[in-house]
Amino acid sequence: MNQKEKEAFIIKQYQEDEQVMVRIFIQWCHEHNLDPEKVYHEAYPAQAPNPLLKKLKEESEVFDMTVDSGTLINVLQVFGNDDLAFVVSEHAKK
């Protein structure tokens, strides 16, 4: 594998992992009767709507599983979404 192929592989893997993170976030919001786009906007009010979030929200099926708030917060922080992790923790306390 040359350098360009390695970079492409890393980018592809990150994008796939990011989609998993967004799907976990959507599932958690569903379980808490929250709109994921509104929660995201609470964390990032100056940002435009997130196109990946919107796309996956429309495509996502609801899974028969429970997403623990602490797990979601940890996953969000791994991806550098500390502001969103904070907002999620605030909603989880309610």
C-alpha atoms as a PDB file:
ATOM      1  CA  MET A   1       0.000   0.000   0.000  1.00  0.00           C
ATOM      2  CA  ASN A   2       1.530   3.321  -1.006  1.00  0.00           C
ATOM      3  CA  GLN A   3       1.184   6.584   0.942  1.00  0.00           C
ATOM      4  CA  LYS A   4      -1.818   7.817  -1.042  1.00  0.00           C
ATOM      5  CA  GLU A   5      -3.663   4.519  -0.519  1.00  0.00           C
ATOM      6  CA  LYS A   6      -2.899   4.627   3.212  1.00  0.00           C
ATOM      7  CA  GLU A   7      -4.249   8.155   3.478  1.00  0.00           C
ATOM      8  CA  ALA A   8      -7.393   7.192   1.563  1.00  0.00           C
ATOM      9  CA  PHE A   9      -7.890   4.173   3.837  1.00  0.00           C
ATOM     10  CA  ILE A  10      -7.493   6.283   6.987  1.00  0.00           C
ATOM     11  CA  ILE A  11      -9.944   8.897   5.730  1.00  0.00           C
ATOM     12  CA  LYS A  12     -12.478   6.244   4.743  1.00  0.00           C
ATOM     13  CA  GLN A  13     -12.173   4.534   8.131  1.00  0.00           C
ATOM     14  CA  TYR A  14     -12.622   7.843   9.986  1.00  0.00           C
ATOM     15  CA  GLN A  15     -15.725   8.657   7.938  1.00  0.00           C
ATOM     16  CA  GLU A  16     -17.222   5.243   8.688  1.00  0.00           C
ATOM     17  CA  ASP A  17     -16.485   5.656  12.397  1.00  0.00           C
ATOM     18  CA  GLU A  18     -17.988   9.135  12.319  1.00  0.00           C
ATOM     19  CA  GLN A  19     -21.191   7.706  10.843  1.00  0.00           C
ATOM     20  CA  VAL A  20     -21.370   5.186  13.685  1.00  0.00           C
ATOM     21  CA  MET A  21     -20.965   8.036  16.197  1.00  0.00           C
ATOM     22  CA  VAL A  22     -23.774  10.012  14.553  1.00  0.00           C
ATOM     23  CA  ARG A  23     -26.057   6.962  14.487  1.00  0.00           C
ATOM     24  CA  ILE A  24     -25.409   6.364  18.210  1.00  0.00           C
ATOM     25  CA  PHE A  25     -26.229  10.025  18.883  1.00  0.00           C
ATOM     26  CA  ILE A  26     -29.456   9.789  16.850  1.00  0.00           C
ATOM     27  CA  GLN A  27     -30.476   6.617  18.722  1.00  0.00           C
ATOM     28  CA  TRP A  28     -29.798   8.245  22.093  1.00  0.00           C
ATOM     29  CA  CYS A  29     -31.852  11.291  21.106  1.00  0.00           C
ATOM     30  CA  HIS A  30     -34.700   9.032  19.991  1.00  0.00           C
ATOM     31  CA  GLU A  31     -34.634   7.231  23.341  1.00  0.00           C
ATOM     32  CA  HIS A  32     -34.854  10.588  25.137  1.00  0.00           C
ATOM     33  CA  ASN A  33     -37.530  12.053  22.840  1.00  0.00           C
ATOM     34  CA  LEU A  34     -35.151  14.727  21.572  1.00  0.00           C
ATOM     35  CA  ASP A  35     -34.586  16.016  18.066  1.00  0.00           C
ATOM     36  CA  PRO A  36     -30.920  15.339  17.253  1.00  0.00           C
ATOM     37  CA  GLU A  37     -30.667  18.397  15.025  1.00  0.00           C
ATOM     38  CA  LYS A  38     -31.947  20.651  17.834  1.00  0.00           C
ATOM     39  CA  VAL A  39     -29.574  19.126  20.366  1.00  0.00           C
ATOM     40  CA  TYR A  40     -26.694  19.543  17.912  1.00  0.00           C
ATOM     41  CA  HIS A  41     -27.698  23.183  17.376  1.00  0.00           C
ATOM     42  CA  GLU A  42     -27.676  23.762  21.150  1.00  0.00           C
ATOM     43  CA  ALA A  43     -24.031  22.681  21.185  1.00  0.00           C
ATOM     44  CA  TYR A  44     -23.021  24.489  18.011  1.00  0.00           C
ATOM     45  CA  PRO A  45     -25.411  27.440  17.501  1.00  0.00           C
ATOM     46  CA  ALA A  46     -23.064  29.276  15.118  1.00  0.00           C
ATOM     47  CA  GLN A  47     -22.656  26.308  12.772  1.00  0.00           C
ATOM     48  CA  ALA A  48     -24.805  25.542   9.790  1.00  0.00           C
ATOM     49  CA  PRO A  49     -26.942  22.406  10.073  1.00  0.00           C
ATOM     50  CA  ASN A  50     -24.842  19.254   9.914  1.00  0.00           C
ATOM     51  CA  PRO A  51     -25.508  17.544   6.560  1.00  0.00           C
ATOM     52  CA  LEU A  52     -24.358  14.116   7.778  1.00  0.00           C
ATOM     53  CA  LEU A  53     -26.640  14.334  10.805  1.00  0.00           C
ATOM     54  CA  LYS A  54     -29.581  15.355   8.643  1.00  0.00           C
ATOM     55  CA  LYS A  55     -28.912  12.577   6.116  1.00  0.00           C
ATOM     56  CA  LEU A  56     -28.494   9.839   8.709  1.00  0.00           C
ATOM     57  CA  LYS A  57     -31.481  11.062  10.704  1.00  0.00           C
ATOM     58  CA  GLU A  58     -33.656  10.640   7.617  1.00  0.00           C
ATOM     59  CA  GLU A  59     -32.138   7.227   6.809  1.00  0.00           C
ATOM     60  CA  SER A  60     -31.811   5.836  10.305  1.00  0.00           C
ATOM     61  CA  GLU A  61     -34.011   3.136  11.574  1.00  0.00           C
ATOM     62  CA  VAL A  62     -34.689   2.926  15.270  1.00  0.00           C
ATOM     63  CA  PHE A  63     -32.819   0.053  16.844  1.00  0.00           C
ATOM     64  CA  ASP A  64     -34.010  -2.127  19.667  1.00  0.00           C
ATOM     65  CA  MET A  65     -31.142  -1.163  21.923  1.00  0.00           C
ATOM     66  CA  THR A  66     -30.362   1.322  24.626  1.00  0.00           C
ATOM     67  CA  VAL A  67     -27.501   3.774  24.380  1.00  0.00           C
ATOM     68  CA  ASP A  68     -26.079   4.678  27.772  1.00  0.00           C
ATOM     69  CA  SER A  69     -25.544   8.418  28.209  1.00  0.00           C
ATOM     70  CA  GLY A  70     -22.012   7.910  29.523  1.00  0.00           C
ATOM     71  CA  THR A  71     -21.085   5.781  26.521  1.00  0.00           C
ATOM     72  CA  LEU A  72     -22.417   8.411  24.117  1.00  0.00           C
ATOM     73  CA  ILE A  73     -20.538  11.163  25.936  1.00  0.00           C
ATOM     74  CA  ASN A  74     -17.295   9.179  25.715  1.00  0.00           C
ATOM     75  CA  VAL A  75     -17.800   8.479  21.998  1.00  0.00           C
ATOM     76  CA  LEU A  76     -18.520  12.147  21.305  1.00  0.00           C
ATOM     77  CA  GLN A  77     -15.386  13.195  23.163  1.00  0.00           C
ATOM     78  CA  VAL A  78     -13.231  10.742  21.210  1.00  0.00           C
ATOM     79  CA  PHE A  79     -14.305  12.621  18.085  1.00  0.00           C
ATOM     80  CA  GLY A  80     -13.638  16.024  19.663  1.00  0.00           C
ATOM     81  CA  ASN A  81     -17.304  16.907  20.109  1.00  0.00           C
ATOM     82  CA  ASP A  82     -16.849  18.182  23.649  1.00  0.00           C
ATOM     83  CA  ASP A  83     -19.547  20.847  23.356  1.00  0.00           C
ATOM     84  CA  LEU A  84     -22.069  18.275  22.163  1.00  0.00           C
ATOM     85  CA  ALA A  85     -20.978  15.886  24.922  1.00  0.00           C
ATOM     86  CA  PHE A  86     -21.668  18.655  27.462  1.00  0.00           C
ATOM     87  CA  VAL A  87     -25.153  19.324  26.041  1.00  0.00           C
ATOM     88  CA  VAL A  88     -25.907  15.591  26.050  1.00  0.00           C
ATOM     89  CA  SER A  89     -24.805  15.370  29.698  1.00  0.00           C
ATOM     90  CA  GLU A  90     -27.127  18.261  30.559  1.00  0.00           C
ATOM     91  CA  HIS A  91     -30.070  16.548  28.849  1.00  0.00           C
ATOM     92  CA  ALA A  92     -29.187  13.246  30.534  1.00  0.00           C
ATOM     93  CA  LYS A  93     -29.481  14.901  33.954  1.00  0.00           C
ATOM     94  CA  LYS A  94     -33.096  15.924  33.243  1.00  0.00           C
END
